[in-house]
Amino acid sequence: MGLFDKLAIDPQITPTIDWDLLPAETFTIFESWGTKIRDINDRERYYYFFIDGWGEPPSLCLMERGIKHARVLARIDAPQDLIDQALRDDGKSRSLDRNYAINDALKEWLRVNVVDSNDDSLVTPLVGPQQEEHAMSSHLPAADTPLPENLQTVSLPNKARHVQEEDIPGIVKDYNFYDAIRNPQGIYLNFLVDNGDDATTTDKTTGLMWQRSGLDITSIRKLRKHIANLNKNNFAGFSDWRLPTIEEALSLMRPEKNQKDLHLDPAFSGDIPFIFVAEERDPGGYWFCDYKRGSVFWASGTIPGGFGRVCRNAA
């Protein structure tokens, strides 16, 4: 059994490894506004190895990337000294989201020991076979359900501002939000109700109405146009939709992962792993809330890409 056999890749896809793809390039490859353009369709997939620097020690992983999704398929049990050297070669200052490119030595090791080998013992799958999401969970209580007595309402910041990196730990801990890196013991208890429209849910603790699906990966410029169109067309009957602030986005974060492998209530679509938030970073960059990794991160670039999920003040 080889690498892709063990990972049970969709038989309609012929997987190949892109050895030259860098983690920092992935947004521009999958959007026509980028500097590197390819003709792709929604069934096309790209696979590349990268070093995940979020954990300690850093690990070698295999990524599957498409137009609308990105998922880490497997962890590869490579020699730690090779991983550490590749991380040093890539340079920590160039990969601000802590994902790093592999070097030639790791590429050669992977070809011999993983890609061209029938021995799959070095491969640890991290997800099962991907399935299409047909319907979002309808487990939520009805909209007229009162807020439980053990919960209370809270007013979260709802205006975009510039946020420095050193501000994030304080933001997380002020509300005891869960963050896998900064506050792994945290938990914020919200109370989501079903608005009965198959499109939105309202959190009675924050008074926020949320889009349950989301906006596909795109540039921040195009994302803002999409939001303007939602408001123009009165999405779900309202015209005041916006990007959430960091606090608002973190209020949805849950310590446990759902069956869609996200730190979210299953009422939300599994196709939106991380989202833009309203804040920009000071002195530069854009902030994201990542429900896959359970944390907040920032990315530099004049036109970064990401998913979106809109909210509005319902109360």
Protein backbone atom coordinates (compact mmCIF):
# COMPACT_ATOMS: atom_id res chain seq x y z
CA MET A 1 0.00 0.00 0.00
CA GLY A 2 1.39 3.41 -0.98
CA LEU A 3 0.95 6.93 0.36
CA PHE A 4 -2.29 7.86 -1.40
CA ASP A 5 -3.82 4.41 -1.01
CA LYS A 6 -3.48 4.65 2.75
CA LEU A 7 -5.11 8.10 2.74
CA ALA A 8 -8.12 6.83 0.71
CA ILE A 9 -8.04 9.72 -1.76
CA ASP A 10 -11.14 10.19 -3.92
CA PRO A 11 -10.76 7.69 -6.81
CA GLN A 12 -11.91 10.39 -9.26
CA ILE A 13 -8.76 12.36 -8.43
CA THR A 14 -5.32 11.42 -9.72
CA PRO A 15 -3.08 12.78 -6.96
CA THR A 16 0.44 14.02 -7.63
CA ILE A 17 2.88 15.83 -5.39
CA ASP A 18 3.78 19.41 -6.26
CA TRP A 19 7.39 19.55 -5.07
CA ASP A 20 7.82 23.24 -5.86
CA LEU A 21 4.72 24.59 -4.15
CA LEU A 22 5.51 26.80 -1.16
CA PRO A 23 3.04 27.32 1.70
CA ALA A 24 3.25 31.10 1.27
CA GLU A 25 2.17 30.80 -2.40
CA THR A 26 -1.02 28.85 -1.93
CA PHE A 27 -3.40 31.80 -1.76
CA THR A 28 -2.10 33.32 -4.97
CA ILE A 29 -2.22 30.03 -6.86
CA PHE A 30 -5.88 29.51 -6.15
CA GLU A 31 -6.99 33.05 -6.95
CA SER A 32 -6.61 34.77 -10.33
CA TRP A 33 -5.50 37.98 -8.61
CA GLY A 34 -2.27 36.30 -7.53
CA THR A 35 1.14 36.48 -9.10
CA LYS A 36 1.11 32.81 -10.08
CA ILE A 37 -1.86 31.80 -12.21
CA ARG A 38 -3.07 28.32 -13.12
CA ASP A 39 -6.21 27.09 -14.84
CA ILE A 40 -8.05 25.08 -12.21
CA ASN A 41 -11.51 23.73 -11.50
CA ASP A 42 -13.35 22.84 -8.32
CA ARG A 43 -12.39 19.15 -8.62
CA GLU A 44 -8.70 19.82 -8.98
CA ARG A 45 -6.40 19.10 -6.05
CA TYR A 46 -2.78 19.92 -5.30
CA TYR A 47 -0.69 18.03 -2.77
CA TYR A 48 2.45 19.29 -1.12
CA PHE A 49 4.58 18.59 1.92
CA PHE A 50 5.26 21.30 4.47
CA ILE A 51 6.61 21.70 7.99
CA ASP A 52 4.02 22.51 10.64
CA GLY A 53 5.78 24.80 13.10
CA TRP A 54 2.81 25.33 15.41
CA GLY A 55 3.66 22.35 17.59
CA GLU A 56 6.83 21.39 19.44
CA PRO A 57 8.74 19.81 17.93
CA PRO A 58 7.83 20.91 14.37
CA SER A 59 6.40 18.11 12.24
CA LEU A 60 6.31 17.16 8.57
CA CYS A 61 2.83 17.05 7.04
CA LEU A 62 1.04 16.47 3.73
CA MET A 63 -1.49 19.08 2.61
CA GLU A 64 -4.38 18.71 0.17
CA ARG A 65 -5.33 22.01 -1.45
CA GLY A 66 -8.26 22.89 -3.69
CA ILE A 67 -10.12 26.00 -4.72
CA LYS A 68 -12.44 25.92 -1.73
CA HIS A 69 -10.61 23.99 0.91
CA ALA A 70 -7.32 23.08 2.48
CA ARG A 71 -6.82 20.12 4.80
CA VAL A 72 -3.82 18.46 6.37
CA LEU A 73 -4.04 14.82 5.31
CA ALA A 74 -1.19 13.17 7.20
CA ARG A 75 1.81 13.53 9.44
CA ILE A 76 5.04 11.99 8.16
CA ASP A 77 7.46 10.40 10.62
CA ALA A 78 10.64 11.93 9.20
CA PRO A 79 13.97 12.27 11.05
CA GLN A 80 13.69 15.30 13.32
CA ASP A 81 17.14 16.59 12.37
CA LEU A 82 16.04 16.81 8.71
CA ILE A 83 12.87 18.67 9.69
CA ASP A 84 14.76 21.12 11.90
CA GLN A 85 17.32 21.85 9.19
CA ALA A 86 14.61 22.49 6.59
CA LEU A 87 12.92 24.90 8.99
CA ARG A 88 16.20 26.77 9.45
CA ASP A 89 16.73 26.84 5.68
CA ASP A 90 13.29 28.35 5.06
CA GLY A 91 13.78 31.02 7.70
CA LYS A 92 11.29 31.77 10.46
CA SER A 93 10.85 35.38 9.39
CA ARG A 94 9.47 34.40 5.99
CA SER A 95 6.63 32.15 7.15
CA LEU A 96 4.52 34.21 9.47
CA ASP A 97 1.79 31.60 9.91
CA ARG A 98 4.38 29.02 11.07
CA ASN A 99 4.10 26.79 8.01
CA TYR A 100 7.45 26.22 6.34
CA ALA A 101 8.72 24.87 3.04
CA ILE A 102 10.73 21.67 2.81
CA ASN A 103 14.30 21.70 1.48
CA ASP A 104 16.06 19.44 -1.05
CA ALA A 105 17.26 17.00 1.60
CA LEU A 106 13.71 16.40 2.85
CA LYS A 107 12.41 16.09 -0.71
CA GLU A 108 14.91 13.34 -1.44
CA TRP A 109 14.12 11.55 1.82
CA LEU A 110 10.39 11.73 1.05
CA ARG A 111 10.82 10.38 -2.47
CA VAL A 112 12.79 7.38 -1.27
CA ASN A 113 10.98 6.57 1.96
CA VAL A 114 7.39 7.68 1.39
CA VAL A 115 6.31 8.61 -2.14
CA ASP A 116 8.11 5.88 -4.09
CA SER A 117 7.89 3.30 -1.31
CA ASN A 118 5.22 0.68 -0.67
CA ASP A 119 5.94 0.92 3.06
CA ASP A 120 3.34 3.25 4.56
CA SER A 121 4.42 2.82 8.18
CA LEU A 122 5.83 6.36 8.28
CA VAL A 123 2.45 7.89 7.35
CA THR A 124 -0.13 8.77 10.01
CA PRO A 125 -3.50 9.83 8.49
CA LEU A 126 -5.05 12.85 10.23
CA VAL A 127 -8.45 12.81 8.51
CA GLY A 128 -10.71 10.20 7.02
CA PRO A 129 -11.94 10.15 3.41
CA GLN A 130 -13.48 13.50 2.54
CA GLN A 131 -17.21 13.55 2.01
CA GLU A 132 -19.43 16.23 0.59
CA GLU A 133 -21.35 18.21 3.18
CA HIS A 134 -25.01 17.79 2.37
CA ALA A 135 -26.79 19.58 5.17
CA MET A 136 -25.75 21.45 8.25
CA SER A 137 -26.87 20.15 11.61
CA SER A 138 -30.38 21.10 12.72
CA HIS A 139 -29.80 20.20 16.37
CA LEU A 140 -30.16 23.80 17.56
CA PRO A 141 -33.03 24.89 19.81
CA ALA A 142 -35.80 27.04 18.35
CA ALA A 143 -35.33 30.79 18.08
CA ASP A 144 -37.82 31.52 20.88
CA THR A 145 -35.93 29.38 23.40
CA PRO A 146 -34.92 31.61 26.33
CA LEU A 147 -31.32 31.98 27.41
CA PRO A 148 -30.52 29.42 30.14
CA GLU A 149 -30.20 30.88 33.64
CA ASN A 150 -26.58 29.79 33.97
CA LEU A 151 -25.57 31.94 30.98
CA GLN A 152 -25.43 35.70 30.67
CA THR A 153 -25.29 38.22 27.87
CA VAL A 154 -22.04 39.95 27.01
CA SER A 155 -21.20 42.94 24.86
CA LEU A 156 -18.24 42.25 22.57
CA PRO A 157 -16.29 44.91 20.62
CA ASN A 158 -17.95 45.23 17.21
CA LYS A 159 -15.89 47.93 15.52
CA ALA A 160 -12.85 47.19 13.36
CA ARG A 161 -9.54 48.56 14.61
CA HIS A 162 -5.82 47.92 14.22
CA VAL A 163 -4.56 45.25 16.62
CA GLN A 164 -0.97 44.48 17.56
CA GLU A 165 0.27 40.93 18.00
CA GLU A 166 0.99 41.48 21.69
CA ASP A 167 -2.67 42.45 22.21
CA ILE A 168 -4.02 39.02 21.28
CA PRO A 169 -3.22 37.12 24.53
CA GLY A 170 -5.07 39.77 26.51
CA ILE A 171 -8.08 39.66 24.19
CA VAL A 172 -8.25 35.89 24.50
CA LYS A 173 -7.96 35.83 28.28
CA ASP A 174 -10.27 38.79 28.95
CA TYR A 175 -13.21 36.67 27.78
CA ASN A 176 -11.64 33.27 28.52
CA PHE A 177 -11.90 32.32 24.84
CA TYR A 178 -10.46 28.98 23.85
CA ASP A 179 -7.19 29.32 21.92
CA ALA A 180 -5.11 26.20 21.39
CA ILE A 181 -1.89 28.22 21.74
CA ARG A 182 -2.66 31.13 24.06
CA ASN A 183 -5.42 29.75 26.31
CA PRO A 184 -5.95 25.99 25.82
CA GLN A 185 -7.99 25.78 29.05
CA GLY A 186 -10.36 28.54 27.99
CA ILE A 187 -14.02 28.16 27.09
CA TYR A 188 -16.73 30.65 26.18
CA LEU A 189 -20.27 29.35 26.57
CA ASN A 190 -22.61 30.69 23.93
CA PHE A 191 -26.21 29.71 23.15
CA LEU A 192 -27.00 29.26 19.48
CA VAL A 193 -30.58 29.03 18.27
CA ASP A 194 -32.06 28.04 14.93
CA ASN A 195 -33.62 30.97 13.09
CA GLY A 196 -35.59 28.60 10.88
CA ASP A 197 -34.18 29.85 7.59
CA ASP A 198 -31.45 27.19 7.02
CA ALA A 199 -29.04 30.09 6.56
CA THR A 200 -28.44 31.75 9.93
CA THR A 201 -28.15 31.15 13.66
CA THR A 202 -28.28 33.63 16.51
CA ASP A 203 -26.14 33.52 19.66
CA LYS A 204 -28.28 34.75 22.53
CA THR A 205 -25.24 35.50 24.71
CA THR A 206 -23.69 37.99 22.29
CA GLY A 207 -26.80 39.06 20.38
CA LEU A 208 -25.05 38.21 17.10
CA MET A 209 -26.72 36.63 14.11
CA TRP A 210 -24.29 34.49 12.07
CA GLN A 211 -24.16 33.16 8.56
CA ARG A 212 -24.04 29.37 8.92
CA SER A 213 -22.26 28.70 5.64
CA GLY A 214 -19.70 31.25 4.49
CA LEU A 215 -17.90 32.92 1.62
CA ASP A 216 -15.42 30.92 -0.45
CA ILE A 217 -11.71 31.65 -0.32
CA THR A 218 -10.90 34.91 -2.06
CA SER A 219 -9.00 38.15 -1.64
CA ILE A 220 -9.97 40.68 1.01
CA ARG A 221 -10.93 43.11 -1.75
CA LYS A 222 -13.29 40.63 -3.39
CA LEU A 223 -14.60 39.50 -0.04
CA ARG A 224 -15.72 43.02 0.77
CA LYS A 225 -17.55 43.14 -2.57
CA HIS A 226 -19.30 39.87 -1.74
CA ILE A 227 -20.44 41.30 1.60
CA ALA A 228 -21.73 44.42 -0.16
CA ASN A 229 -23.74 42.17 -2.49
CA LEU A 230 -25.17 40.23 0.46
CA ASN A 231 -26.37 43.50 1.92
CA LYS A 232 -27.68 44.75 -1.41
CA ASN A 233 -29.70 41.56 -1.83
CA ASN A 234 -30.88 41.51 1.81
CA PHE A 235 -29.36 38.16 2.70
CA ALA A 236 -31.69 36.38 5.16
CA GLY A 237 -33.80 39.55 5.17
CA PHE A 238 -31.12 41.97 6.43
CA SER A 239 -28.73 44.51 4.93
CA ASP A 240 -26.23 45.16 7.74
CA TRP A 241 -23.94 42.13 7.44
CA ARG A 242 -20.24 42.60 8.21
CA LEU A 243 -17.05 40.77 9.08
CA PRO A 244 -16.78 39.86 12.77
CA THR A 245 -14.19 41.36 15.08
CA ILE A 246 -11.54 39.14 16.63
CA GLU A 247 -13.59 38.83 19.83
CA GLU A 248 -16.76 37.99 17.94
CA ALA A 249 -15.03 35.33 15.83
CA LEU A 250 -13.38 33.80 18.90
CA SER A 251 -16.72 33.62 20.70
CA LEU A 252 -17.62 30.74 18.37
CA MET A 253 -14.43 28.78 19.11
CA ARG A 254 -14.96 25.51 20.99
CA PRO A 255 -12.31 23.47 22.81
CA GLU A 256 -13.48 20.20 21.26
CA LYS A 257 -13.53 19.55 17.52
CA ASN A 258 -16.77 18.58 15.81
CA GLN A 259 -17.13 15.75 13.28
CA LYS A 260 -16.07 18.22 10.58
CA ASP A 261 -12.67 18.57 12.32
CA LEU A 262 -13.33 22.17 13.34
CA HIS A 263 -13.48 23.91 16.72
CA LEU A 264 -17.05 24.98 15.98
CA ASP A 265 -20.63 24.03 16.64
CA PRO A 266 -21.72 21.62 13.86
CA ALA A 267 -24.45 24.09 12.90
CA PHE A 268 -21.75 25.84 10.86
CA SER A 269 -20.46 24.62 7.52
CA GLY A 270 -17.33 22.49 7.54
CA ASP A 271 -16.18 24.09 4.29
CA ILE A 272 -14.97 27.28 6.01
CA PRO A 273 -11.91 26.35 8.12
CA PHE A 274 -10.62 29.87 8.81
CA ILE A 275 -12.03 33.35 8.28
CA PHE A 276 -10.96 36.94 7.85
CA VAL A 277 -11.83 39.15 10.79
CA ALA A 278 -12.51 42.86 10.62
CA GLU A 279 -9.20 43.94 12.18
CA GLU A 280 -5.95 44.64 10.42
CA ARG A 281 -2.65 44.11 12.15
CA ASP A 282 -0.54 46.97 13.39
CA PRO A 283 2.05 47.55 11.89
CA GLY A 284 0.82 45.52 8.88
CA GLY A 285 -1.02 42.38 7.84
CA TYR A 286 -4.46 40.85 8.27
CA TRP A 287 -5.91 38.85 11.14
CA PHE A 288 -7.67 35.49 10.75
CA CYS A 289 -9.56 33.18 13.09
CA ASP A 290 -8.61 29.56 12.37
CA TYR A 291 -11.19 27.00 13.49
CA LYS A 292 -9.08 24.16 12.16
CA ARG A 293 -6.12 24.86 14.45
CA GLY A 294 -8.16 26.56 17.13
CA SER A 295 -6.27 29.84 17.17
CA VAL A 296 -5.83 33.35 15.77
CA PHE A 297 -3.06 34.14 13.32
CA TRP A 298 -2.02 36.89 10.95
CA ALA A 299 -0.65 36.92 7.44
CA SER A 300 1.23 39.61 5.60
CA GLY A 301 0.83 40.59 1.97
CA THR A 302 -0.85 43.34 0.07
CA ILE A 303 -3.73 41.08 -1.05
CA PRO A 304 -3.99 38.03 1.23
CA GLY A 305 -6.66 35.41 0.70
CA GLY A 306 -9.08 33.73 3.04
CA PHE A 307 -12.63 32.59 3.71
CA GLY A 308 -15.35 34.75 5.18
CA ARG A 309 -18.34 34.38 7.48
CA VAL A 310 -20.54 37.38 8.13
CA CYS A 311 -22.46 38.43 11.21
CA ARG A 312 -24.76 41.24 12.30
CA ASN A 313 -26.06 42.69 15.55
CA ALA A 314 -29.46 41.08 16.08
CA ALA A 315 -30.06 42.56 19.52
